[in-house]
Amino acid sequence: MDSDQELERSDGDASDKASETSCSVFYDEKTTEQRSGPEISSSPPDGGIQAWLQVLSGFLLYFNSWGLVTAFGVFQIFYKSTFIPSSSNSAISWIGTMQGFLLALGSVFAGCVLDRGHPRRLIICGGFFVIFGLMMISLCRTYWQLMLAQGLCIGLGAGQLFIVAVAVLPGWFAKRRAIATGLAATGSSLGGVVYPIIFHKLEPRIGFAWTLRVIGFVALATCLISLTCSRQRTLPPPRPKLVDFTGFREPLFALFAAVSFVGALSLYVPFFYIVEFAKHKGGVNDALAFYMLPILSAGSILGRTLPALAADRFGCLRVLTFTTAASAILAFCWAAVYGEAATIIWSVLYGAFSGAFVSLQTPTVAAVTPDMRFVGGRMGMNNFCFALGILVGNPIAGAIGGAFEHWLGVQVFCGVSLVVSTVLLAVTWFVKEGAGTKK
């Protein structure tokens, strides 16, 4: 069925309506049929059972996309100490980096599929790749096998899940958009808590292979719930482009895309290396050092909800500028952290402030997008810039640290990157205020 022709139909065309129903297994044509054209184009409901079910769906999709990326720190330390000890930290970090890069890059093309009206197709396809990748990791024995299964396969699948999580919500929320997105984004924080603990507790008991299979079954169950709940409210544009670069002609979007790139250079460096730091530099015993990653992820739950509440009142760019500046200060303070108490406090604070950089991306892109029918493509292009930052940043940090005898260089790199991102955010904020756009 030609989705473009279908969505250009008149509301009263019975033959097109019958054709539309034949594809209802893949996306929510049934909901579209129940709504007239004017109702779909009206203001988002900002509440109701269906709207909050989209938040639940987004939460679980974040759990299985960025949640797996933020959990990579536990794999980093396991691969280096046990699984592939001959590989350098920088080389191992490329696995997690590729996973995050392809997650964000894949959302560029997945966003255009979403703009054509197929969120459920993306959940089915993305969920398959994520679960298949987890099962294949359980069979891996070499570095390149891990790169293919964890870096390539999971990365591509997670990108398809992620774009549905972020791009469906703006059609359901306007005034509460930031808090709705923030609540959904806490799924990645919970994934960063749950998946490392599952791995840490089960791997010594049932082995590496079966631990990954258990994680795969958890991902399967949560993806099925998302598939059941997901509904797209806004009609797609008449002929969405496969890749839409037109947003870069607009100063606001172009500036914010630059913010995403520069911030992503260092945002996830602590998530990749906090366990290594705690064990070898932070003065934390081995048993507690592992839990620094779940603590860091738990802190980001606060960072994805409280700033979102503030953003609905004060504006996304104002709040994001403040939280990114705080993250930059904390990155420089990382150099002075030593001892268990200090490492725990720093992890909670960095997780809290850096979490806003992720949760406020979606409402900010939506705020600078004039037509919500194109928001999937715009978010995809912004994620592409974010992906480039991830691709470059983590390996640079690994190369600077070497065998992690030079932590100061890694910490300064994080701080400088976040300072530049803060400056660009301030410029974006002033440009938006000057243009007279709200929040």
Protein backbone atom coordinates (compact mmCIF):
# COMPACT_ATOMS: atom_id res chain seq x y z
CA MET A 1 0.00 0.00 0.00
CA ASP A 2 1.24 3.49 -0.88
CA SER A 3 1.26 5.34 2.45
CA ASP A 4 1.69 8.78 0.81
CA GLN A 5 -1.40 8.39 -1.41
CA GLU A 6 -3.36 6.96 1.49
CA LEU A 7 -2.70 9.97 3.72
CA GLU A 8 -3.70 12.43 0.98
CA ARG A 9 -7.17 10.90 0.78
CA SER A 10 -10.30 12.89 1.52
CA ASP A 11 -12.01 12.11 4.82
CA GLY A 12 -15.07 10.70 3.11
CA ASP A 13 -13.34 8.30 0.68
CA ALA A 14 -14.65 4.86 1.66
CA SER A 15 -12.41 2.88 -0.68
CA ASP A 16 -9.26 4.48 0.71
CA LYS A 17 -10.55 3.80 4.21
CA ALA A 18 -10.83 0.10 3.43
CA SER A 19 -7.32 0.10 1.97
CA GLU A 20 -6.08 1.84 5.07
CA THR A 21 -7.50 -0.81 7.39
CA SER A 22 -5.47 -3.54 5.67
CA CYS A 23 -2.27 -2.13 7.17
CA SER A 24 -3.59 -1.62 10.71
CA VAL A 25 -1.22 -4.29 12.07
CA PHE A 26 1.70 -1.93 11.51
CA TYR A 27 0.46 1.48 12.56
CA ASP A 28 -2.50 3.15 14.06
CA GLU A 29 -4.73 3.67 11.04
CA LYS A 30 -7.69 2.63 13.20
CA THR A 31 -7.13 5.61 15.46
CA THR A 32 -6.72 7.82 12.39
CA GLU A 33 -10.02 6.61 11.02
CA GLN A 34 -11.80 7.41 14.25
CA ARG A 35 -10.62 11.00 14.12
CA SER A 36 -11.68 13.49 11.53
CA GLY A 37 -9.09 15.65 9.85
CA PRO A 38 -9.82 18.78 11.91
CA GLU A 39 -9.60 16.80 15.17
CA ILE A 40 -6.18 15.43 14.27
CA SER A 41 -4.86 18.87 13.42
CA SER A 42 -6.28 20.43 16.62
CA SER A 43 -4.21 21.10 19.71
CA PRO A 44 -2.74 18.06 21.48
CA PRO A 45 -4.93 16.78 24.33
CA ASP A 46 -2.18 17.18 26.98
CA GLY A 47 -3.60 14.25 28.94
CA GLY A 48 -5.96 11.32 28.94
CA ILE A 49 -5.36 7.57 28.98
CA GLN A 50 -4.10 7.35 25.39
CA ALA A 51 -1.67 10.24 25.87
CA TRP A 52 -0.15 8.81 29.05
CA LEU A 53 0.08 5.38 27.45
CA GLN A 54 2.40 7.01 24.91
CA VAL A 55 4.59 8.13 27.82
CA LEU A 56 4.67 4.53 29.09
CA SER A 57 5.53 3.29 25.60
CA GLY A 58 8.27 5.91 25.27
CA PHE A 59 9.63 5.02 28.71
CA LEU A 60 10.08 1.37 27.71
CA LEU A 61 11.56 2.30 24.33
CA TYR A 62 14.11 4.55 26.06
CA PHE A 63 14.78 1.64 28.44
CA ASN A 64 15.81 -0.55 25.51
CA SER A 65 17.67 2.10 23.50
CA TRP A 66 19.66 4.64 25.52
CA GLY A 67 19.31 2.38 28.57
CA LEU A 68 21.53 -0.20 26.87
CA VAL A 69 24.00 2.50 25.80
CA THR A 70 24.35 3.96 29.30
CA ALA A 71 24.78 0.42 30.66
CA PHE A 72 27.85 -0.16 28.50
CA GLY A 73 30.21 0.78 31.33
CA VAL A 74 29.64 -2.63 32.94
CA PHE A 75 30.57 -4.33 29.67
CA GLN A 76 33.61 -2.05 29.31
CA ILE A 77 35.11 -3.21 32.59
CA PHE A 78 34.12 -6.89 32.05
CA TYR A 79 35.57 -7.04 28.55
CA LYS A 80 38.84 -5.44 29.66
CA SER A 81 39.30 -7.51 32.80
CA THR A 82 37.98 -10.90 31.67
CA PHE A 83 36.60 -11.33 28.15
CA ILE A 84 39.05 -9.62 25.77
CA PRO A 85 41.86 -8.34 28.06
CA SER A 86 44.28 -7.98 25.14
CA SER A 87 42.17 -5.12 23.71
CA SER A 88 42.83 -1.57 24.88
CA ASN A 89 40.25 0.54 26.71
CA SER A 90 40.01 2.82 23.69
CA ALA A 91 39.36 -0.13 21.36
CA ILE A 92 36.70 -1.57 23.65
CA SER A 93 35.01 1.81 23.97
CA TRP A 94 34.52 1.77 20.20
CA ILE A 95 31.93 -0.99 20.69
CA GLY A 96 29.78 1.19 22.94
CA THR A 97 30.55 4.25 20.84
CA MET A 98 29.40 2.51 17.66
CA GLN A 99 26.26 1.42 19.46
CA GLY A 100 25.43 4.99 20.47
CA PHE A 101 26.46 6.40 17.09
CA LEU A 102 24.26 4.02 15.11
CA LEU A 103 21.41 4.58 17.56
CA ALA A 104 21.43 8.28 16.82
CA LEU A 105 22.34 7.92 13.13
CA GLY A 106 19.69 5.28 12.49
CA SER A 107 17.05 7.60 13.88
CA VAL A 108 17.71 9.95 10.92
CA PHE A 109 16.21 7.45 8.47
CA ALA A 110 13.79 5.99 11.01
CA GLY A 111 12.43 9.50 11.58
CA CYS A 112 11.41 9.71 7.94
CA VAL A 113 9.68 6.31 8.20
CA LEU A 114 7.84 7.63 11.26
CA ASP A 115 6.82 10.75 9.33
CA ARG A 116 5.16 8.39 6.84
CA GLY A 117 3.01 7.07 9.69
CA HIS A 118 4.57 3.75 10.71
CA PRO A 119 5.59 3.77 14.41
CA ARG A 120 4.67 0.13 14.94
CA ARG A 121 6.78 -1.05 12.03
CA LEU A 122 9.73 0.68 13.65
CA ILE A 123 9.06 -0.94 17.03
CA ILE A 124 8.79 -4.39 15.44
CA CYS A 125 11.94 -3.99 13.34
CA GLY A 126 13.95 -2.18 16.01
CA GLY A 127 12.94 -4.61 18.73
CA PHE A 128 13.99 -7.53 16.55
CA PHE A 129 17.47 -6.07 15.98
CA VAL A 130 17.98 -5.27 19.68
CA ILE A 131 16.87 -8.71 20.88
CA PHE A 132 18.75 -10.53 18.11
CA GLY A 133 21.89 -8.54 18.95
CA LEU A 134 21.67 -9.42 22.64
CA MET A 135 21.26 -13.10 21.82
CA MET A 136 24.23 -12.96 19.43
CA ILE A 137 26.44 -11.36 22.10
CA SER A 138 25.89 -14.51 24.14
CA LEU A 139 27.65 -16.46 21.35
CA CYS A 140 30.52 -14.01 20.80
CA ARG A 141 34.13 -14.94 21.46
CA THR A 142 36.16 -12.21 19.71
CA TYR A 143 36.31 -8.42 19.50
CA TRP A 144 34.95 -8.16 15.97
CA GLN A 145 31.99 -10.40 16.85
CA LEU A 146 31.14 -8.09 19.74
CA MET A 147 31.41 -5.09 17.42
CA LEU A 148 28.93 -6.64 14.98
CA ALA A 149 26.44 -7.86 17.58
CA GLN A 150 26.60 -5.13 20.22
CA GLY A 151 27.84 -2.18 18.21
CA LEU A 152 26.12 -2.68 14.85
CA CYS A 153 23.03 -4.81 15.46
CA ILE A 154 21.84 -3.31 18.75
CA GLY A 155 22.78 0.20 17.61
CA LEU A 156 20.63 -0.02 14.47
CA GLY A 157 17.68 -1.49 16.35
CA ALA A 158 17.88 0.97 19.23
CA GLY A 159 17.78 3.89 16.78
CA GLN A 160 14.41 2.74 15.47
CA LEU A 161 13.02 2.37 18.99
CA PHE A 162 14.38 5.73 20.10
CA ILE A 163 12.82 7.83 17.34
CA VAL A 164 9.37 6.44 18.16
CA ALA A 165 9.93 7.27 21.83
CA VAL A 166 10.71 10.91 21.12
CA ALA A 167 8.71 11.83 18.02
CA VAL A 168 5.26 10.47 18.89
CA LEU A 169 4.90 12.43 22.15
CA PRO A 170 4.76 15.98 20.65
CA GLY A 171 1.52 15.01 18.91
CA TRP A 172 -0.07 14.26 22.28
CA PHE A 173 1.37 16.99 24.51
CA ALA A 174 1.91 20.74 24.12
CA LYS A 175 1.87 22.53 27.49
CA ARG A 176 3.09 19.39 29.27
CA ARG A 177 5.45 18.33 26.49
CA ALA A 178 8.68 18.72 28.47
CA ILE A 179 7.49 16.79 31.51
CA ALA A 180 5.97 14.05 29.33
CA THR A 181 9.25 13.69 27.47
CA GLY A 182 11.21 13.85 30.71
CA LEU A 183 9.17 11.05 32.25
CA ALA A 184 9.66 8.92 29.14
CA ALA A 185 13.39 9.66 29.12
CA THR A 186 13.78 8.30 32.65
CA GLY A 187 13.48 4.92 30.96
CA SER A 188 17.07 5.24 29.79
CA SER A 189 18.16 6.02 33.35
CA LEU A 190 16.32 3.00 34.69
CA GLY A 191 17.87 0.87 31.96
CA GLY A 192 21.27 2.16 33.05
CA VAL A 193 20.45 0.96 36.58
CA VAL A 194 18.67 -2.34 35.90
CA TYR A 195 20.77 -3.83 33.10
CA PRO A 196 24.15 -3.44 34.88
CA ILE A 197 22.73 -4.94 38.09
CA ILE A 198 21.25 -7.89 36.17
CA PHE A 199 24.65 -8.46 34.56
CA HIS A 200 26.60 -8.07 37.80
CA LYS A 201 24.35 -10.42 39.78
CA LEU A 202 23.76 -13.13 37.17
CA GLU A 203 27.08 -13.38 35.31
CA PRO A 204 28.99 -15.08 38.18
CA ARG A 205 26.08 -17.52 38.73
CA ILE A 206 24.86 -18.52 35.27
CA GLY A 207 27.69 -17.30 33.04
CA PHE A 208 28.06 -14.60 30.40
CA ALA A 209 25.98 -16.31 27.69
CA TRP A 210 22.85 -16.96 29.74
CA THR A 211 23.05 -13.54 31.39
CA LEU A 212 22.81 -11.91 27.96
CA ARG A 213 19.88 -14.16 27.07
CA VAL A 214 18.06 -13.09 30.24
CA ILE A 215 18.64 -9.45 29.27
CA GLY A 216 17.30 -10.28 25.81
CA PHE A 217 14.09 -11.71 27.28
CA VAL A 218 13.65 -8.58 29.42
CA ALA A 219 13.99 -6.47 26.27
CA LEU A 220 11.47 -8.68 24.45
CA ALA A 221 8.82 -8.31 27.17
CA THR A 222 9.18 -4.54 27.42
CA CYS A 223 9.17 -4.05 23.63
CA LEU A 224 5.90 -6.00 23.38
CA ILE A 225 4.28 -3.64 25.90
CA SER A 226 5.48 -0.64 23.87
CA LEU A 227 4.09 -2.16 20.68
CA THR A 228 0.69 -2.58 22.33
CA CYS A 229 0.54 1.01 23.62
CA SER A 230 2.04 3.03 20.77
CA ARG A 231 -0.29 5.33 18.80
CA GLN A 232 0.62 8.15 16.40
CA ARG A 233 -1.77 11.09 16.52
CA THR A 234 -0.53 13.55 13.89
CA LEU A 235 -1.02 12.87 10.19
CA PRO A 236 2.23 12.56 8.19
CA PRO A 237 3.11 15.23 5.60
CA PRO A 238 2.01 14.53 2.01
CA ARG A 239 5.42 13.43 0.71
CA PRO A 240 8.03 13.19 3.49
CA LYS A 241 11.63 13.11 2.29
CA LEU A 242 13.90 10.21 3.13
CA VAL A 243 16.43 12.66 4.61
CA ASP A 244 15.37 16.25 5.28
CA PHE A 245 18.19 18.80 5.50
CA THR A 246 15.94 21.86 5.24
CA GLY A 247 16.03 22.43 8.99
CA PHE A 248 19.70 23.45 8.78
CA ARG A 249 18.63 26.54 6.82
CA GLU A 250 16.91 27.80 9.96
CA PRO A 251 19.31 29.49 12.44
CA LEU A 252 17.58 28.13 15.55
CA PHE A 253 17.67 24.52 14.45
CA ALA A 254 21.22 24.79 13.08
CA LEU A 255 22.48 26.28 16.36
CA PHE A 256 20.79 23.64 18.46
CA ALA A 257 22.19 20.88 16.23
CA ALA A 258 25.66 22.32 16.96
CA VAL A 259 24.83 22.20 20.69
CA SER A 260 23.93 18.52 20.34
CA PHE A 261 27.19 17.68 18.56
CA VAL A 262 29.51 19.47 20.98
CA GLY A 263 27.68 18.27 24.10
CA ALA A 264 27.67 14.66 22.91
CA LEU A 265 31.47 14.71 22.63
CA SER A 266 31.79 14.27 26.37
CA LEU A 267 28.34 13.70 27.83
CA TYR A 268 28.69 9.90 28.04
CA VAL A 269 32.40 9.70 28.87
CA PRO A 270 31.72 9.34 32.63
CA PHE A 271 29.11 6.64 31.93
CA PHE A 272 31.72 4.62 30.04
CA TYR A 273 34.58 5.07 32.50
CA ILE A 274 33.18 5.78 35.97
CA VAL A 275 33.68 2.18 37.16
CA GLU A 276 37.29 2.19 35.92
CA PHE A 277 37.88 5.56 37.60
CA ALA A 278 36.33 4.46 40.90
CA LYS A 279 38.50 1.32 41.08
CA HIS A 280 41.85 2.72 40.02
CA LYS A 281 41.75 6.44 40.86
CA GLY A 282 38.76 7.21 43.05
CA GLY A 283 39.79 5.17 46.08
CA VAL A 284 36.67 2.96 45.95
CA ASN A 285 36.82 -0.76 46.73
CA ASP A 286 36.01 -3.19 43.91
CA ALA A 287 32.65 -4.30 45.33
CA LEU A 288 31.33 -0.74 45.55
CA ALA A 289 33.06 0.55 42.41
CA PHE A 290 30.71 -1.43 40.18
CA TYR A 291 27.68 0.35 41.64
CA MET A 292 28.96 3.77 40.60
CA LEU A 293 27.39 3.25 37.16
CA PRO A 294 23.90 2.43 38.52
CA ILE A 295 24.26 5.35 40.96
CA LEU A 296 25.20 7.67 38.09
CA SER A 297 22.21 6.43 36.09
CA ALA A 298 19.89 6.74 39.09
CA GLY A 299 20.97 10.36 39.51
CA SER A 300 19.97 11.04 35.93
CA ILE A 301 16.37 10.05 36.77
CA LEU A 302 16.15 13.30 38.74
CA GLY A 303 17.80 15.13 35.86
CA ARG A 304 15.18 13.96 33.41
CA THR A 305 12.13 14.85 35.49
CA LEU A 306 12.79 17.95 37.62
CA PRO A 307 14.35 20.05 34.81
CA ALA A 308 11.47 18.96 32.56
CA LEU A 309 8.99 20.36 35.09
CA ALA A 310 10.93 23.62 35.15
CA ALA A 311 11.16 23.70 31.34
CA ASP A 312 7.37 23.66 30.96
CA ARG A 313 7.31 26.87 32.98
CA PHE A 314 10.54 28.70 32.14
CA GLY A 315 11.37 27.33 28.69
CA CYS A 316 13.57 24.49 27.51
CA LEU A 317 16.56 26.59 26.43
CA ARG A 318 16.77 28.51 29.70
CA VAL A 319 16.74 25.34 31.79
CA LEU A 320 19.05 23.45 29.43
CA THR A 321 21.61 26.28 29.50
CA PHE A 322 21.66 26.20 33.30
CA THR A 323 21.92 22.40 33.62
CA THR A 324 24.64 22.13 30.95
CA ALA A 325 26.66 24.84 32.69
CA ALA A 326 26.33 22.89 35.95
CA SER A 327 27.46 19.71 34.16
CA ALA A 328 30.54 21.56 32.87
CA ILE A 329 31.45 22.70 36.38
CA LEU A 330 31.02 19.16 37.69
CA ALA A 331 33.21 17.79 34.88
CA PHE A 332 36.07 20.03 36.04
CA CYS A 333 35.35 19.11 39.68
CA TRP A 334 35.77 15.45 38.72
CA ALA A 335 39.53 15.99 38.92
CA ALA A 336 39.26 16.62 42.68
CA VAL A 337 37.08 13.59 43.48
CA TYR A 338 38.61 10.96 45.77
CA GLY A 339 37.08 8.53 48.25
CA GLU A 340 33.84 6.60 48.36
CA ALA A 341 31.61 9.40 49.64
CA ALA A 342 32.97 11.96 47.18
CA THR A 343 32.64 9.58 44.22
CA ILE A 344 29.04 8.73 45.12
CA ILE A 345 28.06 12.39 45.57
CA TRP A 346 29.74 13.40 42.31
CA SER A 347 28.06 10.55 40.42
CA VAL A 348 24.60 11.53 41.66
CA LEU A 349 25.13 15.22 40.84
CA TYR A 350 26.60 14.64 37.39
CA GLY A 351 23.84 12.18 36.56
CA ALA A 352 21.21 14.67 37.70
CA PHE A 353 22.47 17.66 35.71
CA SER A 354 23.62 15.79 32.60
CA GLY A 355 20.29 13.94 32.39
CA ALA A 356 18.56 17.14 31.31
CA PHE A 357 20.72 17.31 28.18
CA VAL A 358 18.98 14.15 26.95
CA SER A 359 15.42 14.69 28.21
CA LEU A 360 15.14 18.28 26.93
CA GLN A 361 16.44 17.53 23.43
CA THR A 362 13.05 16.42 22.15
CA PRO A 363 10.88 19.30 23.43
CA THR A 364 13.50 21.80 22.28
CA VAL A 365 13.58 20.41 18.73
CA ALA A 366 9.77 20.38 18.74
CA ALA A 367 9.75 24.00 19.92
CA VAL A 368 11.90 25.14 16.97
CA THR A 369 9.94 23.06 14.43
CA PRO A 370 7.08 25.09 12.90
CA ASP A 371 5.16 22.07 11.55
CA MET A 372 4.74 19.01 13.79
CA ARG A 373 4.24 16.78 10.74
CA PHE A 374 7.99 17.12 10.07
CA VAL A 375 9.15 16.69 13.66
CA GLY A 376 10.33 13.09 13.15
CA GLY A 377 12.71 14.10 10.38
CA ARG A 378 13.99 17.10 12.35
CA MET A 379 14.65 14.99 15.41
CA GLY A 380 16.43 12.50 13.20
CA MET A 381 18.77 15.19 11.83
CA ASN A 382 19.44 16.51 15.34
CA ASN A 383 20.21 12.97 16.44
CA PHE A 384 22.63 12.66 13.52
CA CYS A 385 24.63 15.57 14.95
CA PHE A 386 24.42 13.97 18.39
CA ALA A 387 25.66 10.71 16.84
CA LEU A 388 28.74 12.37 15.36
CA GLY A 389 29.63 13.72 18.79
CA ILE A 390 29.33 10.28 20.37
CA LEU A 391 31.35 8.69 17.57
CA VAL A 392 34.25 11.08 18.09
CA GLY A 393 34.10 11.86 21.81
CA ASN A 394 34.40 8.57 23.70
CA PRO A 395 37.36 7.20 21.68
CA ILE A 396 39.12 10.57 22.07
CA ALA A 397 38.66 10.32 25.83
CA GLY A 398 39.97 6.74 25.76
CA ALA A 399 43.01 7.82 23.72
CA ILE A 400 43.71 10.75 26.05
CA GLY A 401 43.49 8.50 29.09
CA GLY A 402 45.61 5.76 27.53
CA ALA A 403 45.80 3.06 30.20
CA PHE A 404 44.00 5.63 32.37
CA GLU A 405 47.10 6.99 33.97
CA HIS A 406 46.13 10.46 32.69
CA TRP A 407 42.68 11.06 34.12
CA LEU A 408 43.15 14.83 34.26
CA GLY A 409 43.21 15.07 30.47
CA VAL A 410 39.94 13.12 30.22
CA GLN A 411 38.30 15.34 32.83
CA VAL A 412 39.46 18.57 31.17
CA PHE A 413 38.23 17.30 27.80
CA CYS A 414 34.78 16.72 29.31
CA GLY A 415 34.70 20.12 30.94
CA VAL A 416 35.80 22.09 27.87
CA SER A 417 33.29 20.33 25.63
CA LEU A 418 30.42 21.11 27.99
CA VAL A 419 31.53 24.74 28.38
CA VAL A 420 31.44 25.23 24.60
CA SER A 421 28.03 23.57 24.49
CA THR A 422 26.80 25.95 27.20
CA VAL A 423 27.98 28.98 25.21
CA LEU A 424 26.21 27.72 22.07
CA LEU A 425 23.05 27.13 24.10
CA ALA A 426 23.15 30.69 25.39
CA VAL A 427 23.50 31.99 21.82
CA THR A 428 20.56 29.83 20.71
CA TRP A 429 18.48 31.13 23.60
CA PHE A 430 19.22 34.77 22.71
CA VAL A 431 18.46 34.20 19.03
CA LYS A 432 15.14 32.63 19.94
CA GLU A 433 14.26 35.45 22.31
CA GLY A 434 15.19 37.96 19.62
CA ALA A 435 12.96 36.18 17.13
CA GLY A 436 10.07 36.55 19.55
CA THR A 437 9.24 32.85 19.77
CA LYS A 438 7.83 31.51 22.98
CA LYS A 439 10.03 29.58 25.40
